[in-house]
Amino acid sequence: MANITASMVKELRDMTGAGMMDCKKALAETDGNMDEAVELLRKNGAVKAEKKAGRIAAEGLCHVIVKDNTAAVVEVNSETDFVAKNETFQQFVAQVCEQAIGTSAEDMDAFMAEAWVEDSSKSVKEALVEKVAVIGENLNIRRFKKVVANEGCVVSYVHGGGRIGVIVESKTNVVNDAVKEAMTNIAMQVAALNPQYVSRDEVSAEFIEHEKEIIKAQIMNDPKESQKPEKVIDGMINGRINKQLKDICLMDQVYVKAEDGKQTVAAYVAQVAKEQNADFAIKSVVRFETGEGIEKKEENFAEEVKAQMGM
């Protein structure tokens, strides 16, 4: 029987991203044969995936691809930031994004059932299960978005090494470096300030009425403000909802690179349009942030290592 050394375990771990104890066990079962150990990790995929499926995967990466006038962004989650930095995981995320830019799926179920871009003999879901076995953590292809710019172009921006992925789509009759630079600047704005809408036109009347009700309730619960005349209270409500819309609507936000600190994104877009003699407008934006909305579980890494090692 081969002597399984620490360097062999490290080599297999570097090749696959699998857990240390999984690598050691696989090498022991294959008498130190590296190729067979990799294959064994893959074959155990379904069992491992089932065992890990209940574990929270809130780390991971967002990845964006742009090809001509089409862009795609995906979020793939892992359990730990350590795995998110692993080359094997990063390559898998890039492959998932390649899948997304060519997909015809409208939802995650259809996407997961598609033939895998790297091997049409398996589905996306089966490819994910295999990767869970190799990496040794619960993984989740959480979401994707494909954008096709039929009236302009698309640009992308990735922040924080994949923590945030952004796509900006324009409607424009001029596509040049200046227009794309402006769109990239706006993509950076979207990453930093996370607008919920492009413009006020997208905000529903129901949303505004709901927010006004909340603001009015806040005012009426204040002993001083509630005593003001109704006309004044109405003005306060409108003023506060207007301020809120300036925060959540991209076109109303102050452009982060504005030299005077006052220019709005709408004014910046108009400026670029005039300079480039273009009919230029921002049509849509997509912003994915890794782990957004997922409740993360606090982990004690030292205790986890001890548990794995049986200490």
Protein backbone atom coordinates (compact mmCIF):
# COMPACT_ATOMS: atom_id res chain seq x y z
CA MET A 1 0.00 0.00 0.00
CA ALA A 2 1.34 3.42 -0.97
CA ASN A 3 2.48 5.81 1.70
CA ILE A 4 0.08 8.78 1.51
CA THR A 5 2.18 11.89 2.17
CA ALA A 6 1.08 15.40 3.04
CA SER A 7 2.44 16.63 -0.30
CA MET A 8 0.23 14.13 -2.16
CA VAL A 9 -2.83 15.31 -0.24
CA LYS A 10 -1.93 18.92 -1.00
CA GLU A 11 -1.47 18.14 -4.70
CA LEU A 12 -4.89 16.50 -4.94
CA ARG A 13 -6.47 19.33 -2.97
CA ASP A 14 -4.88 21.90 -5.33
CA MET A 15 -6.11 19.93 -8.35
CA THR A 16 -9.69 19.51 -7.17
CA GLY A 17 -10.38 21.96 -4.37
CA ALA A 18 -11.82 19.07 -2.35
CA GLY A 19 -11.58 18.92 1.42
CA MET A 20 -8.36 17.74 3.02
CA MET A 21 -9.85 14.65 4.65
CA ASP A 22 -11.71 13.75 1.43
CA CYS A 23 -8.44 13.92 -0.50
CA LYS A 24 -6.60 11.79 2.02
CA LYS A 25 -9.35 9.14 2.00
CA ALA A 26 -9.51 9.09 -1.81
CA LEU A 27 -5.75 8.60 -2.10
CA ALA A 28 -5.82 5.81 0.47
CA GLU A 29 -8.62 4.00 -1.37
CA THR A 30 -6.81 4.27 -4.73
CA ASP A 31 -3.38 3.31 -3.37
CA GLY A 32 -2.01 6.78 -4.10
CA ASN A 33 -3.06 6.91 -7.77
CA MET A 34 -3.79 10.61 -8.39
CA ASP A 35 -5.98 10.15 -11.49
CA GLU A 36 -8.05 7.43 -9.85
CA ALA A 37 -8.42 9.57 -6.74
CA VAL A 38 -9.84 12.44 -8.81
CA GLU A 39 -12.24 10.02 -10.49
CA LEU A 40 -13.30 8.60 -7.13
CA LEU A 41 -14.12 12.07 -5.83
CA ARG A 42 -16.27 12.64 -8.91
CA LYS A 43 -18.06 9.29 -8.61
CA ASN A 44 -19.01 10.04 -5.01
CA GLY A 45 -20.68 13.23 -6.15
CA ALA A 46 -24.34 12.33 -5.78
CA VAL A 47 -23.95 11.07 -2.21
CA LYS A 48 -21.81 14.02 -1.18
CA ALA A 49 -24.13 16.53 -2.79
CA GLU A 50 -27.10 15.07 -0.92
CA LYS A 51 -25.26 15.24 2.40
CA LYS A 52 -24.16 18.83 1.85
CA ALA A 53 -27.37 20.19 0.32
CA GLY A 54 -28.69 21.42 3.66
CA ARG A 55 -25.61 23.47 4.45
CA ILE A 56 -25.73 27.22 3.87
CA ALA A 57 -23.88 28.43 0.78
CA ALA A 58 -23.69 32.23 1.09
CA GLU A 59 -20.19 32.93 -0.21
CA GLY A 60 -19.07 32.50 -3.81
CA LEU A 61 -18.72 34.65 -6.91
CA CYS A 62 -20.57 36.67 -9.47
CA HIS A 63 -19.23 36.47 -13.02
CA VAL A 64 -20.09 38.47 -16.14
CA ILE A 65 -19.48 37.78 -19.84
CA VAL A 66 -20.08 40.13 -22.77
CA LYS A 67 -20.13 38.89 -26.38
CA ASP A 68 -21.07 41.45 -29.03
CA ASN A 69 -24.45 42.85 -27.98
CA THR A 70 -25.22 40.11 -25.45
CA ALA A 71 -24.22 39.88 -21.78
CA ALA A 72 -24.81 37.39 -19.00
CA VAL A 73 -24.22 37.50 -15.27
CA VAL A 74 -24.40 34.59 -12.82
CA GLU A 75 -24.09 34.06 -9.09
CA VAL A 76 -22.69 30.74 -7.90
CA ASN A 77 -22.47 30.18 -4.15
CA SER A 78 -20.10 28.19 -1.96
CA GLU A 79 -20.04 27.66 1.79
CA THR A 80 -16.74 29.43 2.42
CA ASP A 81 -14.72 32.31 1.05
CA PHE A 82 -11.75 29.93 0.88
CA VAL A 83 -13.46 27.88 -1.84
CA ALA A 84 -14.56 31.07 -3.64
CA LYS A 85 -10.86 31.85 -4.12
CA ASN A 86 -10.11 28.34 -5.40
CA GLU A 87 -9.17 28.14 -9.10
CA THR A 88 -11.32 25.05 -9.69
CA PHE A 89 -14.40 26.84 -8.36
CA GLN A 90 -13.62 30.01 -10.32
CA GLN A 91 -13.31 28.03 -13.55
CA PHE A 92 -16.66 26.37 -12.85
CA VAL A 93 -18.33 29.77 -12.30
CA ALA A 94 -16.90 30.99 -15.62
CA GLN A 95 -18.33 27.87 -17.31
CA VAL A 96 -21.74 28.53 -15.75
CA CYS A 97 -21.61 32.05 -17.19
CA GLU A 98 -20.78 30.63 -20.63
CA GLN A 99 -23.86 28.46 -20.19
CA ALA A 100 -25.93 31.52 -19.32
CA ILE A 101 -24.89 33.62 -22.32
CA GLY A 102 -26.01 30.85 -24.67
CA THR A 103 -29.11 29.78 -22.76
CA SER A 104 -32.68 29.89 -23.95
CA ALA A 105 -33.98 29.16 -20.44
CA GLU A 106 -36.38 31.57 -18.77
CA ASP A 107 -36.01 30.25 -15.22
CA MET A 108 -33.62 28.28 -13.00
CA ASP A 109 -35.41 24.94 -13.43
CA ALA A 110 -35.07 25.10 -17.21
CA PHE A 111 -31.50 26.33 -16.90
CA MET A 112 -30.47 23.45 -14.63
CA ALA A 113 -32.07 20.92 -17.00
CA GLU A 114 -30.14 22.16 -20.05
CA ALA A 115 -27.27 20.20 -21.56
CA TRP A 116 -24.01 21.30 -19.92
CA VAL A 117 -21.93 23.57 -22.16
CA GLU A 118 -18.74 21.62 -21.38
CA ASP A 119 -20.24 18.15 -21.88
CA SER A 120 -23.62 17.73 -23.57
CA SER A 121 -23.98 14.20 -22.16
CA LYS A 122 -24.86 15.67 -18.76
CA SER A 123 -27.16 18.42 -17.52
CA VAL A 124 -26.14 21.59 -15.73
CA LYS A 125 -27.50 20.07 -12.52
CA GLU A 126 -25.40 16.93 -12.97
CA ALA A 127 -22.31 19.05 -13.62
CA LEU A 128 -23.03 20.91 -10.37
CA VAL A 129 -23.38 17.64 -8.43
CA GLU A 130 -20.01 16.47 -9.74
CA LYS A 131 -18.39 19.76 -8.74
CA VAL A 132 -19.78 19.42 -5.21
CA ALA A 133 -17.96 16.08 -4.98
CA VAL A 134 -14.71 17.51 -6.26
CA ILE A 135 -14.71 20.66 -4.14
CA GLY A 136 -16.18 19.14 -1.00
CA GLU A 137 -18.66 21.90 -0.14
CA ASN A 138 -22.29 22.57 -0.89
CA LEU A 139 -22.47 24.69 -4.05
CA ASN A 140 -25.46 26.43 -5.56
CA ILE A 141 -26.06 28.04 -8.95
CA ARG A 142 -28.34 30.67 -7.49
CA ARG A 143 -29.34 32.90 -10.40
CA PHE A 144 -28.53 34.14 -13.88
CA LYS A 145 -29.57 36.98 -16.16
CA LYS A 146 -29.06 37.30 -19.89
CA VAL A 147 -29.36 40.70 -21.57
CA VAL A 148 -29.54 41.21 -25.34
CA ALA A 149 -29.14 44.81 -26.51
CA ASN A 150 -31.20 45.06 -29.69
CA GLU A 151 -31.14 48.87 -29.78
CA GLY A 152 -27.66 49.69 -28.50
CA CYS A 153 -24.93 47.91 -26.58
CA VAL A 154 -24.06 46.35 -23.22
CA VAL A 155 -21.10 46.76 -20.88
CA SER A 156 -20.14 44.94 -17.69
CA TYR A 157 -18.38 45.74 -14.45
CA VAL A 158 -17.15 43.38 -11.74
CA HIS A 159 -16.29 44.73 -8.29
CA GLY A 160 -14.36 43.19 -5.43
CA GLY A 161 -13.00 40.23 -7.38
CA GLY A 162 -16.49 38.93 -8.10
CA ARG A 163 -18.44 40.14 -5.07
CA ILE A 164 -20.64 42.30 -7.32
CA GLY A 165 -21.43 41.84 -11.02
CA VAL A 166 -23.18 44.54 -13.08
CA ILE A 167 -24.58 44.77 -16.61
CA VAL A 168 -25.67 48.09 -18.12
CA GLU A 169 -27.72 48.14 -21.33
CA SER A 170 -28.10 51.27 -23.43
CA LYS A 171 -30.38 52.43 -26.18
CA THR A 172 -28.14 54.36 -28.54
CA ASN A 173 -27.60 55.05 -32.22
CA VAL A 174 -23.89 55.68 -31.59
CA VAL A 175 -21.64 52.96 -30.19
CA ASN A 176 -18.08 54.15 -29.65
CA ASP A 177 -15.42 54.22 -26.93
CA ALA A 178 -16.84 57.38 -25.34
CA VAL A 179 -20.33 55.89 -25.03
CA LYS A 180 -18.97 52.62 -23.64
CA GLU A 181 -16.77 54.51 -21.16
CA ALA A 182 -19.82 56.44 -19.94
CA MET A 183 -21.74 53.18 -19.55
CA THR A 184 -18.86 51.65 -17.58
CA ASN A 185 -18.84 54.70 -15.29
CA ILE A 186 -22.57 54.19 -14.74
CA ALA A 187 -21.99 50.48 -14.08
CA MET A 188 -19.56 51.48 -11.32
CA GLN A 189 -22.27 53.79 -9.95
CA VAL A 190 -24.74 50.90 -9.92
CA ALA A 191 -22.23 48.68 -8.08
CA ALA A 192 -21.59 51.35 -5.44
CA LEU A 193 -25.08 52.77 -4.81
CA ASN A 194 -27.36 49.87 -5.77
CA PRO A 195 -30.33 51.70 -7.36
CA GLN A 196 -33.56 49.74 -7.49
CA TYR A 197 -34.85 51.43 -10.64
CA VAL A 198 -33.37 53.15 -13.70
CA SER A 199 -35.85 56.03 -13.60
CA ARG A 200 -38.99 57.14 -11.80
CA ASP A 201 -41.04 55.87 -14.73
CA GLU A 202 -40.38 52.33 -13.48
CA VAL A 203 -41.67 53.02 -9.97
CA SER A 204 -45.25 51.81 -9.52
CA ALA A 205 -47.96 54.04 -8.11
CA GLU A 206 -48.66 51.33 -5.53
CA PHE A 207 -45.06 51.53 -4.25
CA ILE A 208 -45.25 55.31 -3.91
CA GLU A 209 -48.59 55.19 -2.10
CA HIS A 210 -47.30 52.51 0.24
CA GLU A 211 -44.21 54.55 1.08
CA LYS A 212 -46.33 57.66 1.63
CA GLU A 213 -48.46 55.75 4.12
CA ILE A 214 -45.36 54.73 6.05
CA ILE A 215 -43.99 58.29 6.04
CA LYS A 216 -47.33 59.67 7.18
CA ALA A 217 -47.49 57.13 10.03
CA GLN A 218 -43.98 58.20 11.11
CA ILE A 219 -45.05 61.83 11.11
CA MET A 220 -48.25 61.16 13.05
CA ASN A 221 -46.28 59.24 15.68
CA ASP A 222 -44.08 62.27 16.27
CA PRO A 223 -45.61 64.57 18.97
CA LYS A 224 -44.32 67.75 17.31
CA GLU A 225 -44.70 66.97 13.60
CA SER A 226 -48.20 65.54 14.01
CA GLN A 227 -49.48 68.94 15.26
CA LYS A 228 -48.56 70.73 12.03
CA PRO A 229 -51.26 71.76 9.53
CA GLU A 230 -52.41 69.14 7.02
CA LYS A 231 -50.98 71.13 4.10
CA VAL A 232 -47.57 71.21 5.76
CA ILE A 233 -47.72 67.49 6.52
CA ASP A 234 -48.57 66.77 2.87
CA GLY A 235 -45.56 68.84 1.84
CA MET A 236 -43.34 66.92 4.25
CA ILE A 237 -44.58 63.60 2.86
CA ASN A 238 -43.93 64.66 -0.74
CA GLY A 239 -40.52 66.01 0.19
CA ARG A 240 -39.47 62.79 1.87
CA ILE A 241 -40.76 60.54 -0.91
CA ASN A 242 -38.92 62.72 -3.41
CA LYS A 243 -35.71 62.31 -1.41
CA GLN A 244 -36.24 58.55 -1.28
CA LEU A 245 -36.74 58.35 -5.05
CA LYS A 246 -33.48 60.24 -5.55
CA ASP A 247 -31.74 57.48 -3.63
CA ILE A 248 -33.32 54.49 -5.37
CA CYS A 249 -33.64 55.76 -8.98
CA LEU A 250 -30.39 55.69 -10.94
CA MET A 251 -31.15 58.73 -13.10
CA ASP A 252 -31.92 60.83 -10.01
CA GLN A 253 -28.78 59.86 -8.11
CA VAL A 254 -25.87 62.28 -7.94
CA TYR A 255 -23.24 61.03 -10.38
CA VAL A 256 -20.36 59.72 -8.24
CA LYS A 257 -17.70 61.28 -10.50
CA ALA A 258 -19.42 64.66 -10.75
CA GLU A 259 -16.82 67.39 -10.35
CA ASP A 260 -19.33 69.74 -8.73
CA GLY A 261 -20.82 67.03 -6.54
CA LYS A 262 -24.28 67.94 -7.86
CA GLN A 263 -24.61 66.59 -11.40
CA THR A 264 -27.17 63.79 -11.60
CA VAL A 265 -26.70 60.61 -13.63
CA ALA A 266 -29.45 61.86 -15.97
CA ALA A 267 -27.50 65.08 -16.56
CA TYR A 268 -24.30 63.09 -17.15
CA VAL A 269 -26.04 60.88 -19.74
CA ALA A 270 -27.44 63.98 -21.46
CA GLN A 271 -23.96 65.52 -21.50
CA VAL A 272 -22.45 62.43 -23.16
CA ALA A 273 -25.30 62.28 -25.66
CA LYS A 274 -24.69 65.90 -26.65
CA GLU A 275 -20.92 65.47 -26.90
CA GLN A 276 -21.28 62.35 -29.08
CA ASN A 277 -24.25 63.66 -31.08
CA ALA A 278 -26.10 60.53 -30.05
CA ASP A 279 -29.58 59.45 -29.09
CA PHE A 280 -28.21 57.86 -25.92
CA ALA A 281 -30.12 56.55 -22.90
CA ILE A 282 -29.74 53.87 -20.25
CA LYS A 283 -32.31 51.18 -20.89
CA SER A 284 -31.71 48.64 -18.12
CA VAL A 285 -29.28 47.59 -15.40
CA VAL A 286 -28.64 44.29 -13.63
CA ARG A 287 -26.78 44.06 -10.34
CA PHE A 288 -25.92 40.79 -8.57
CA GLU A 289 -24.20 40.82 -5.18
CA THR A 290 -22.83 37.58 -3.78
CA GLY A 291 -24.89 36.25 -0.89
CA GLU A 292 -27.42 39.07 -1.12
CA GLY A 293 -30.46 38.16 0.95
CA ILE A 294 -29.00 34.86 2.21
CA GLU A 295 -28.88 34.47 5.96
CA LYS A 296 -25.31 33.56 6.84
CA LYS A 297 -24.42 31.24 9.68
CA GLU A 298 -21.58 32.26 11.95
CA GLU A 299 -18.83 29.66 11.90
CA ASN A 300 -15.88 29.01 14.20
CA PHE A 301 -13.21 27.96 11.71
CA ALA A 302 -10.87 26.55 14.36
CA GLU A 303 -13.62 24.37 15.79
CA GLU A 304 -14.60 23.20 12.29
CA VAL A 305 -11.01 22.09 11.58
CA LYS A 306 -10.86 20.27 14.91
CA ALA A 307 -14.10 18.46 14.10
CA GLN A 308 -12.82 17.39 10.67
CA MET A 309 -9.59 16.13 12.19
CA GLY A 310 -11.42 14.28 14.95
CA MET A 311 -9.69 16.31 17.65
